[in-house]
Amino acid sequence: MKPGIFTILILLLLMGCELFTPRESEPPIGISDPYAWRPPTSPEIVLENLSNAFPAQKLNYHLDVLSHDLGSGVSFLFIPDQGVASSQPGIFDNWGYTEEESFITKLFQTLNGDGLQRLDWQIDRLSPTGDQYEIIADYQLTMSYLEGNALLPNKVSGQATLTLVQNADLLYEISTWQDLKSDTLSCWTDLKTLVQ
């Protein structure tokens, strides 16, 4: 066999082994998920994780920043807007972690996966109080829903006063969330009454 023919046969054999077939592309190095969970080592990251829960549609991003340590006795408490709560007697008597988990699970089940959900925070005050932090922040939540959820508001806004504590891992968690309706739009308290 001539050397030229032998070389051609080897090349044809290698091409049959997909040696020259392009491989699957990989994500670019250094580009990360903009909605990735971050360990809440500062109060600001708590708000960031809450915000990222909505576009990422990850329940745990929301729930993992709420206190739920039965051993230490620190567990999440939601204090509703009093005007809204007075028209809904009994709903918010003991709104803790379990009720919040049920609410956020039901809410996420109504959200349209193709729509962009967005939660924005505007911090008015961030101050240490002993071994805790208090955040007073205005929020605006924009959502789109699956068909059949026309009664739910597309925009929710108000003011939250959050008390943050550190857990055993020195990560910040929300122990108390106090809601305040600030205009004619629905607030978190309104949303909870509609979803619960």
C-alpha atoms as a PDB file:
ATOM      1  CA  MET A   1       0.000   0.000   0.000  1.00  0.00           C
ATOM      2  CA  LYS A   2       1.300   3.427  -0.907  1.00  0.00           C
ATOM      3  CA  PRO A   3       2.025   5.875   1.979  1.00  0.00           C
ATOM      4  CA  GLY A   4      -0.461   8.482   0.604  1.00  0.00           C
ATOM      5  CA  ILE A   5      -3.345   5.977   0.544  1.00  0.00           C
ATOM      6  CA  PHE A   6      -2.421   4.762   4.031  1.00  0.00           C
ATOM      7  CA  THR A   7      -2.548   8.352   5.348  1.00  0.00           C
ATOM      8  CA  ILE A   8      -5.966   8.913   3.753  1.00  0.00           C
ATOM      9  CA  LEU A   9      -7.305   5.686   5.295  1.00  0.00           C
ATOM     10  CA  ILE A  10      -6.042   6.717   8.751  1.00  0.00           C
ATOM     11  CA  LEU A  11      -7.696  10.154   8.387  1.00  0.00           C
ATOM     12  CA  LEU A  12     -10.998   8.587   7.310  1.00  0.00           C
ATOM     13  CA  LEU A  13     -10.813   6.201  10.262  1.00  0.00           C
ATOM     14  CA  LEU A  14     -10.195   9.088  12.681  1.00  0.00           C
ATOM     15  CA  MET A  15     -13.071  11.102  11.217  1.00  0.00           C
ATOM     16  CA  GLY A  16     -15.367   8.137  11.813  1.00  0.00           C
ATOM     17  CA  CYS A  17     -14.377   8.267  15.501  1.00  0.00           C
ATOM     18  CA  GLU A  18     -15.806  11.813  15.781  1.00  0.00           C
ATOM     19  CA  LEU A  19     -12.404  13.222  16.569  1.00  0.00           C
ATOM     20  CA  PHE A  20     -13.192  16.298  14.477  1.00  0.00           C
ATOM     21  CA  THR A  21     -16.800  16.725  15.683  1.00  0.00           C
ATOM     22  CA  PRO A  22     -17.378  19.933  17.687  1.00  0.00           C
ATOM     23  CA  ARG A  23     -18.027  19.379  21.386  1.00  0.00           C
ATOM     24  CA  GLU A  24     -20.857  20.847  23.470  1.00  0.00           C
ATOM     25  CA  SER A  25     -20.148  24.407  24.531  1.00  0.00           C
ATOM     26  CA  GLU A  26     -19.488  25.124  28.188  1.00  0.00           C
ATOM     27  CA  PRO A  27     -20.584  28.173  30.143  1.00  0.00           C
ATOM     28  CA  PRO A  28     -17.997  30.955  30.117  1.00  0.00           C
ATOM     29  CA  ILE A  29     -15.468  30.874  32.933  1.00  0.00           C
ATOM     30  CA  GLY A  30     -16.017  33.619  35.492  1.00  0.00           C
ATOM     31  CA  ILE A  31     -19.716  34.161  34.626  1.00  0.00           C
ATOM     32  CA  SER A  32     -21.927  33.219  37.567  1.00  0.00           C
ATOM     33  CA  ASP A  33     -25.659  33.020  38.161  1.00  0.00           C
ATOM     34  CA  PRO A  34     -26.839  36.570  38.975  1.00  0.00           C
ATOM     35  CA  TYR A  35     -29.510  35.109  41.278  1.00  0.00           C
ATOM     36  CA  ALA A  36     -27.286  32.648  43.144  1.00  0.00           C
ATOM     37  CA  TRP A  37     -27.712  32.159  46.882  1.00  0.00           C
ATOM     38  CA  ARG A  38     -25.099  33.877  49.029  1.00  0.00           C
ATOM     39  CA  PRO A  39     -24.442  33.050  52.681  1.00  0.00           C
ATOM     40  CA  PRO A  40     -26.044  35.992  54.565  1.00  0.00           C
ATOM     41  CA  THR A  41     -22.938  37.226  56.378  1.00  0.00           C
ATOM     42  CA  SER A  42     -24.323  40.771  56.374  1.00  0.00           C
ATOM     43  CA  PRO A  43     -27.823  42.239  56.685  1.00  0.00           C
ATOM     44  CA  GLU A  44     -27.703  43.483  53.080  1.00  0.00           C
ATOM     45  CA  ILE A  45     -27.207  39.930  51.790  1.00  0.00           C
ATOM     46  CA  VAL A  46     -30.408  38.878  53.594  1.00  0.00           C
ATOM     47  CA  LEU A  47     -32.316  41.373  51.432  1.00  0.00           C
ATOM     48  CA  GLU A  48     -30.410  40.261  48.331  1.00  0.00           C
ATOM     49  CA  ASN A  49     -31.374  36.604  48.918  1.00  0.00           C
ATOM     50  CA  LEU A  50     -35.017  37.579  49.466  1.00  0.00           C
ATOM     51  CA  SER A  51     -34.928  39.530  46.201  1.00  0.00           C
ATOM     52  CA  ASN A  52     -33.254  36.689  44.292  1.00  0.00           C
ATOM     53  CA  ALA A  53     -35.869  34.187  45.449  1.00  0.00           C
ATOM     54  CA  PHE A  54     -38.401  35.634  43.002  1.00  0.00           C
ATOM     55  CA  PRO A  55     -36.597  35.709  39.633  1.00  0.00           C
ATOM     56  CA  ALA A  56     -34.822  32.446  40.507  1.00  0.00           C
ATOM     57  CA  GLN A  57     -38.129  31.005  41.817  1.00  0.00           C
ATOM     58  CA  LYS A  58     -36.333  29.290  44.705  1.00  0.00           C
ATOM     59  CA  LEU A  59     -38.399  28.843  47.858  1.00  0.00           C
ATOM     60  CA  ASN A  60     -35.351  28.119  49.994  1.00  0.00           C
ATOM     61  CA  TYR A  61     -33.832  31.535  49.198  1.00  0.00           C
ATOM     62  CA  HIS A  62     -36.805  33.086  51.012  1.00  0.00           C
ATOM     63  CA  LEU A  63     -37.154  30.524  53.779  1.00  0.00           C
ATOM     64  CA  ASP A  64     -33.447  30.169  54.580  1.00  0.00           C
ATOM     65  CA  VAL A  65     -33.197  33.785  55.757  1.00  0.00           C
ATOM     66  CA  LEU A  66     -35.980  33.341  58.317  1.00  0.00           C
ATOM     67  CA  SER A  67     -35.180  32.310  61.889  1.00  0.00           C
ATOM     68  CA  HIS A  68     -36.267  28.778  62.606  1.00  0.00           C
ATOM     69  CA  ASP A  69     -34.105  27.570  65.457  1.00  0.00           C
ATOM     70  CA  LEU A  70     -36.332  25.747  67.895  1.00  0.00           C
ATOM     71  CA  GLY A  71     -33.334  25.007  70.145  1.00  0.00           C
ATOM     72  CA  SER A  72     -32.557  28.678  70.787  1.00  0.00           C
ATOM     73  CA  GLY A  73     -36.194  29.700  70.909  1.00  0.00           C
ATOM     74  CA  VAL A  74     -35.722  32.257  68.095  1.00  0.00           C
ATOM     75  CA  SER A  75     -38.330  31.695  65.437  1.00  0.00           C
ATOM     76  CA  PHE A  76     -39.700  33.932  62.703  1.00  0.00           C
ATOM     77  CA  LEU A  77     -42.674  36.171  63.494  1.00  0.00           C
ATOM     78  CA  PHE A  78     -44.630  38.237  60.947  1.00  0.00           C
ATOM     79  CA  ILE A  79     -46.403  41.321  62.320  1.00  0.00           C
ATOM     80  CA  PRO A  80     -49.020  42.414  59.774  1.00  0.00           C
ATOM     81  CA  ASP A  81     -50.140  45.891  58.807  1.00  0.00           C
ATOM     82  CA  GLN A  82     -52.739  46.587  61.493  1.00  0.00           C
ATOM     83  CA  GLY A  83     -55.264  48.185  59.117  1.00  0.00           C
ATOM     84  CA  VAL A  84     -55.315  45.130  56.868  1.00  0.00           C
ATOM     85  CA  ALA A  85     -55.153  42.635  59.742  1.00  0.00           C
ATOM     86  CA  SER A  86     -58.143  44.206  61.508  1.00  0.00           C
ATOM     87  CA  SER A  87     -60.298  43.353  58.483  1.00  0.00           C
ATOM     88  CA  GLN A  88     -59.019  39.746  58.520  1.00  0.00           C
ATOM     89  CA  PRO A  89     -59.439  38.598  62.146  1.00  0.00           C
ATOM     90  CA  GLY A  90     -57.582  35.464  63.182  1.00  0.00           C
ATOM     91  CA  ILE A  91     -55.339  35.078  60.122  1.00  0.00           C
ATOM     92  CA  PHE A  92     -52.277  36.690  61.670  1.00  0.00           C
ATOM     93  CA  ASP A  93     -52.678  35.656  65.326  1.00  0.00           C
ATOM     94  CA  ASN A  94     -49.586  33.431  65.227  1.00  0.00           C
ATOM     95  CA  TRP A  95     -47.970  33.935  61.827  1.00  0.00           C
ATOM     96  CA  GLY A  96     -44.637  32.176  62.182  1.00  0.00           C
ATOM     97  CA  TYR A  97     -42.259  30.114  60.104  1.00  0.00           C
ATOM     98  CA  THR A  98     -44.769  27.333  59.300  1.00  0.00           C
ATOM     99  CA  GLU A  99     -47.387  29.805  58.053  1.00  0.00           C
ATOM    100  CA  GLU A 100     -44.750  31.670  56.036  1.00  0.00           C
ATOM    101  CA  GLU A 101     -43.565  28.418  54.456  1.00  0.00           C
ATOM    102  CA  SER A 102     -47.122  27.525  53.457  1.00  0.00           C
ATOM    103  CA  PHE A 103     -47.753  31.029  52.075  1.00  0.00           C
ATOM    104  CA  ILE A 104     -44.557  31.309  50.023  1.00  0.00           C
ATOM    105  CA  THR A 105     -45.017  27.773  48.623  1.00  0.00           C
ATOM    106  CA  LYS A 106     -48.562  28.599  47.459  1.00  0.00           C
ATOM    107  CA  LEU A 107     -47.453  31.953  46.074  1.00  0.00           C
ATOM    108  CA  PHE A 108     -44.607  30.437  44.038  1.00  0.00           C
ATOM    109  CA  GLN A 109     -47.025  27.841  42.626  1.00  0.00           C
ATOM    110  CA  THR A 110     -49.132  30.687  41.157  1.00  0.00           C
ATOM    111  CA  LEU A 111     -46.209  32.511  39.518  1.00  0.00           C
ATOM    112  CA  ASN A 112     -45.646  32.424  35.790  1.00  0.00           C
ATOM    113  CA  GLY A 113     -42.246  30.832  35.151  1.00  0.00           C
ATOM    114  CA  ASP A 114     -41.830  32.873  31.955  1.00  0.00           C
ATOM    115  CA  GLY A 115     -42.522  36.202  33.636  1.00  0.00           C
ATOM    116  CA  LEU A 116     -39.863  38.215  35.406  1.00  0.00           C
ATOM    117  CA  GLN A 117     -40.641  38.417  39.111  1.00  0.00           C
ATOM    118  CA  ARG A 118     -38.819  41.256  40.844  1.00  0.00           C
ATOM    119  CA  LEU A 119     -38.433  42.350  44.468  1.00  0.00           C
ATOM    120  CA  ASP A 120     -36.659  45.656  45.076  1.00  0.00           C
ATOM    121  CA  TRP A 121     -35.606  47.115  48.419  1.00  0.00           C
ATOM    122  CA  GLN A 122     -34.793  50.716  49.278  1.00  0.00           C
ATOM    123  CA  ILE A 123     -33.107  50.796  52.692  1.00  0.00           C
ATOM    124  CA  ASP A 124     -34.202  53.761  54.790  1.00  0.00           C
ATOM    125  CA  ARG A 125     -32.280  52.780  57.902  1.00  0.00           C
ATOM    126  CA  LEU A 126     -29.876  50.008  58.871  1.00  0.00           C
ATOM    127  CA  SER A 127     -28.811  50.119  62.487  1.00  0.00           C
ATOM    128  CA  PRO A 128     -27.301  47.765  65.037  1.00  0.00           C
ATOM    129  CA  THR A 129     -29.291  47.340  68.244  1.00  0.00           C
ATOM    130  CA  GLY A 130     -27.222  45.297  70.680  1.00  0.00           C
ATOM    131  CA  ASP A 131     -26.487  41.957  69.060  1.00  0.00           C
ATOM    132  CA  GLN A 132     -29.175  42.486  66.405  1.00  0.00           C
ATOM    133  CA  TYR A 133     -29.732  44.659  63.361  1.00  0.00           C
ATOM    134  CA  GLU A 134     -32.852  46.564  62.481  1.00  0.00           C
ATOM    135  CA  ILE A 135     -33.576  47.346  58.848  1.00  0.00           C
ATOM    136  CA  ILE A 136     -36.325  49.709  57.806  1.00  0.00           C
ATOM    137  CA  ALA A 137     -36.795  49.411  54.061  1.00  0.00           C
ATOM    138  CA  ASP A 138     -39.371  50.202  51.412  1.00  0.00           C
ATOM    139  CA  TYR A 139     -40.137  47.276  49.138  1.00  0.00           C
ATOM    140  CA  GLN A 140     -41.766  46.815  45.771  1.00  0.00           C
ATOM    141  CA  LEU A 141     -42.614  43.364  44.445  1.00  0.00           C
ATOM    142  CA  THR A 142     -43.719  42.876  40.836  1.00  0.00           C
ATOM    143  CA  MET A 143     -45.131  39.497  39.799  1.00  0.00           C
ATOM    144  CA  SER A 144     -46.839  37.782  36.882  1.00  0.00           C
ATOM    145  CA  TYR A 145     -49.097  34.822  37.441  1.00  0.00           C
ATOM    146  CA  LEU A 146     -50.319  31.727  35.704  1.00  0.00           C
ATOM    147  CA  GLU A 147     -53.813  31.999  34.223  1.00  0.00           C
ATOM    148  CA  GLY A 148     -56.611  31.780  36.763  1.00  0.00           C
ATOM    149  CA  ASN A 149     -54.976  34.003  39.400  1.00  0.00           C
ATOM    150  CA  ALA A 150     -56.535  37.308  38.321  1.00  0.00           C
ATOM    151  CA  LEU A 151     -57.431  38.311  41.888  1.00  0.00           C
ATOM    152  CA  LEU A 152     -53.787  38.486  42.971  1.00  0.00           C
ATOM    153  CA  PRO A 153     -52.049  41.878  42.697  1.00  0.00           C
ATOM    154  CA  ASN A 154     -49.263  42.317  40.153  1.00  0.00           C
ATOM    155  CA  LYS A 155     -47.563  44.914  42.350  1.00  0.00           C
ATOM    156  CA  VAL A 156     -47.079  44.891  46.094  1.00  0.00           C
ATOM    157  CA  SER A 157     -45.397  47.700  47.980  1.00  0.00           C
ATOM    158  CA  GLY A 158     -44.973  48.978  51.498  1.00  0.00           C
ATOM    159  CA  GLN A 159     -42.430  49.300  54.251  1.00  0.00           C
ATOM    160  CA  ALA A 160     -40.846  46.491  56.245  1.00  0.00           C
ATOM    161  CA  THR A 161     -39.137  46.760  59.595  1.00  0.00           C
ATOM    162  CA  LEU A 162     -36.915  43.684  59.871  1.00  0.00           C
ATOM    163  CA  THR A 163     -35.120  42.521  63.009  1.00  0.00           C
ATOM    164  CA  LEU A 164     -32.105  40.369  62.143  1.00  0.00           C
ATOM    165  CA  VAL A 165     -30.227  38.033  64.462  1.00  0.00           C
ATOM    166  CA  GLN A 166     -27.204  35.822  63.898  1.00  0.00           C
ATOM    167  CA  ASN A 167     -27.628  32.054  64.063  1.00  0.00           C
ATOM    168  CA  ALA A 168     -25.085  29.539  65.394  1.00  0.00           C
ATOM    169  CA  ASP A 169     -23.214  29.729  62.055  1.00  0.00           C
ATOM    170  CA  LEU A 170     -22.984  33.541  62.405  1.00  0.00           C
ATOM    171  CA  LEU A 171     -25.325  34.039  59.439  1.00  0.00           C
ATOM    172  CA  TYR A 172     -28.055  36.670  59.637  1.00  0.00           C
ATOM    173  CA  GLU A 173     -31.714  35.671  59.748  1.00  0.00           C
ATOM    174  CA  ILE A 174     -34.964  37.597  60.083  1.00  0.00           C
ATOM    175  CA  SER A 175     -36.561  37.043  63.477  1.00  0.00           C
ATOM    176  CA  THR A 176     -39.319  39.659  63.062  1.00  0.00           C
ATOM    177  CA  TRP A 177     -40.880  41.195  59.956  1.00  0.00           C
ATOM    178  CA  GLN A 178     -43.268  44.060  60.642  1.00  0.00           C
ATOM    179  CA  ASP A 179     -45.287  45.202  57.636  1.00  0.00           C
ATOM    180  CA  LEU A 180     -46.675  48.682  56.953  1.00  0.00           C
ATOM    181  CA  LYS A 181     -48.916  49.609  54.046  1.00  0.00           C
ATOM    182  CA  SER A 182     -47.628  52.855  52.598  1.00  0.00           C
ATOM    183  CA  ASP A 183     -49.989  53.713  49.725  1.00  0.00           C
ATOM    184  CA  THR A 184     -52.985  52.455  47.787  1.00  0.00           C
ATOM    185  CA  LEU A 185     -51.124  49.422  46.419  1.00  0.00           C
ATOM    186  CA  SER A 186     -51.406  46.092  48.185  1.00  0.00           C
ATOM    187  CA  CYS A 187     -48.732  45.265  50.770  1.00  0.00           C
ATOM    188  CA  TRP A 188     -47.286  41.928  51.956  1.00  0.00           C
ATOM    189  CA  THR A 189     -50.129  41.634  54.474  1.00  0.00           C
ATOM    190  CA  ASP A 190     -52.730  41.996  51.693  1.00  0.00           C
ATOM    191  CA  LEU A 191     -50.910  39.409  49.588  1.00  0.00           C
ATOM    192  CA  LYS A 192     -50.823  36.936  52.475  1.00  0.00           C
ATOM    193  CA  THR A 193     -54.580  37.279  53.043  1.00  0.00           C
ATOM    194  CA  LEU A 194     -55.237  36.546  49.356  1.00  0.00           C
ATOM    195  CA  VAL A 195     -52.846  33.603  49.010  1.00  0.00           C
ATOM    196  CA  GLN A 196     -53.258  31.843  52.379  1.00  0.00           C
END
